[in-house]
Amino acid sequence: MGIIIQIVGTALALILVSRIVPGISVDGIYVALLAALVIGVLNVLVKPILFILTLPITIITFGLFTFVLNALMFWLAASFLDGFTVTGFLPALIGSIIVTAVSTVLHRILA
């Protein structure tokens, strides 16, 4: 049940981000749910590998490079779905930060 709540929370955060950040668009709740699922899968499968490969950069930047990895996962997820678009790196960075913040708050409230 917790995974479903997390996916729905991320989907709601994606819809919020699409209304706030220019350069990000989501074509409805169904696409937002699919995008949340794709982002979750990428964060579980691809992000740990990239984190290990970029660990020296992450250490040098005191962990700030993690924001870049989050933005890349966000941007990569948009490449898999037709109704979810991210037009550049800066919208991906801002969008990933907002989605992470909103998802974390929703998870703490609902969990």
Protein backbone atom coordinates (compact mmCIF):
# COMPACT_ATOMS: atom_id res chain seq x y z
CA MET A 1 0.00 0.00 0.00
CA GLY A 2 2.91 2.36 0.72
CA ILE A 3 4.26 2.08 -2.82
CA ILE A 4 0.89 3.05 -4.28
CA ILE A 5 0.70 6.08 -2.00
CA GLN A 6 4.23 7.07 -3.03
CA ILE A 7 3.40 6.77 -6.75
CA VAL A 8 0.19 8.78 -6.37
CA GLY A 9 2.05 11.42 -4.34
CA THR A 10 4.75 11.69 -6.99
CA ALA A 11 2.08 11.93 -9.70
CA LEU A 12 0.40 14.80 -7.86
CA ALA A 13 3.77 16.48 -7.47
CA LEU A 14 4.38 16.09 -11.22
CA ILE A 15 1.06 17.75 -12.01
CA LEU A 16 1.94 20.60 -9.65
CA VAL A 17 5.37 20.99 -11.25
CA SER A 18 3.88 21.05 -14.74
CA ARG A 19 1.75 24.02 -13.70
CA ILE A 20 4.62 25.90 -12.00
CA VAL A 21 7.77 25.24 -14.06
CA PRO A 22 7.85 26.39 -17.68
CA GLY A 23 9.33 23.68 -19.86
CA ILE A 24 7.61 20.77 -18.13
CA SER A 25 4.24 19.46 -19.24
CA VAL A 26 2.13 16.49 -18.20
CA ASP A 27 -0.94 15.54 -20.26
CA GLY A 28 -3.19 14.31 -17.47
CA ILE A 29 -3.31 12.15 -14.39
CA TYR A 30 -2.78 8.88 -16.27
CA VAL A 31 0.47 10.17 -17.81
CA ALA A 32 1.51 11.56 -14.41
CA LEU A 33 0.98 8.13 -12.81
CA LEU A 34 3.02 6.45 -15.55
CA ALA A 35 5.74 9.09 -15.23
CA ALA A 36 5.86 8.59 -11.46
CA LEU A 37 6.23 4.85 -12.02
CA VAL A 38 8.98 5.33 -14.61
CA ILE A 39 10.84 7.78 -12.34
CA GLY A 40 10.61 5.28 -9.49
CA VAL A 41 11.95 2.44 -11.62
CA LEU A 42 14.82 4.59 -12.92
CA ASN A 43 15.67 5.68 -9.39
CA VAL A 44 15.82 2.06 -8.27
CA LEU A 45 17.66 0.55 -11.25
CA VAL A 46 19.77 3.23 -12.96
CA LYS A 47 20.50 5.89 -10.34
CA PRO A 48 22.56 3.66 -7.99
CA ILE A 49 24.84 2.69 -10.87
CA LEU A 50 25.31 6.31 -11.91
CA PHE A 51 25.85 7.31 -8.29
CA ILE A 52 28.69 4.81 -7.91
CA LEU A 53 30.26 5.84 -11.22
CA THR A 54 30.12 9.52 -10.28
CA LEU A 55 31.06 9.11 -6.62
CA PRO A 56 34.33 11.07 -6.92
CA ILE A 57 32.46 14.06 -8.41
CA THR A 58 29.79 13.75 -5.73
CA ILE A 59 32.43 13.78 -2.99
CA ILE A 60 34.25 16.76 -4.50
CA THR A 61 30.99 18.74 -4.75
CA PHE A 62 29.96 17.75 -1.19
CA GLY A 63 26.96 15.82 -2.51
CA LEU A 64 25.57 18.57 -4.73
CA PHE A 65 26.13 16.45 -7.84
CA THR A 66 23.24 14.31 -6.59
CA PHE A 67 20.93 17.10 -7.76
CA VAL A 68 22.35 16.65 -11.25
CA LEU A 69 21.71 12.89 -11.10
CA ASN A 70 18.11 13.52 -9.98
CA ALA A 71 17.62 15.95 -12.86
CA LEU A 72 19.03 13.43 -15.32
CA MET A 73 16.66 10.71 -14.05
CA PHE A 74 13.76 13.17 -14.36
CA TRP A 75 14.80 14.12 -17.89
CA LEU A 76 15.36 10.49 -18.87
CA ALA A 77 11.89 9.54 -17.64
CA ALA A 78 10.42 12.20 -19.91
CA SER A 79 12.11 10.58 -22.91
CA PHE A 80 10.17 7.34 -22.33
CA LEU A 81 6.66 8.84 -22.26
CA ASP A 82 4.78 10.77 -24.94
CA GLY A 83 2.61 12.95 -22.68
CA PHE A 84 5.42 13.95 -20.30
CA THR A 85 7.89 16.46 -21.71
CA VAL A 86 10.88 18.26 -20.25
CA THR A 87 12.47 20.78 -22.60
CA GLY A 88 15.91 21.13 -21.03
CA PHE A 89 18.24 20.56 -18.15
CA LEU A 90 17.23 23.59 -16.07
CA PRO A 91 13.51 22.68 -16.07
CA ALA A 92 14.54 19.11 -15.21
CA LEU A 93 16.66 20.34 -12.31
CA ILE A 94 13.97 22.62 -10.90
CA GLY A 95 11.26 20.02 -11.50
CA SER A 96 13.20 17.23 -9.82
CA ILE A 97 13.87 19.40 -6.77
CA ILE A 98 10.19 20.33 -6.42
CA VAL A 99 8.95 16.78 -7.04
CA THR A 100 11.39 15.44 -4.45
CA ALA A 101 10.33 18.03 -1.88
CA VAL A 102 6.59 17.57 -2.43
CA SER A 103 6.87 13.77 -2.50
CA THR A 104 8.87 13.77 0.73
CA VAL A 105 6.34 15.98 2.49
CA LEU A 106 3.41 13.89 1.24
CA HIS A 107 5.13 10.68 2.24
CA ARG A 108 5.79 11.97 5.77
CA ILE A 109 2.19 13.16 6.14
CA LEU A 110 0.58 10.00 4.76
CA ALA A 111 2.97 7.40 6.17
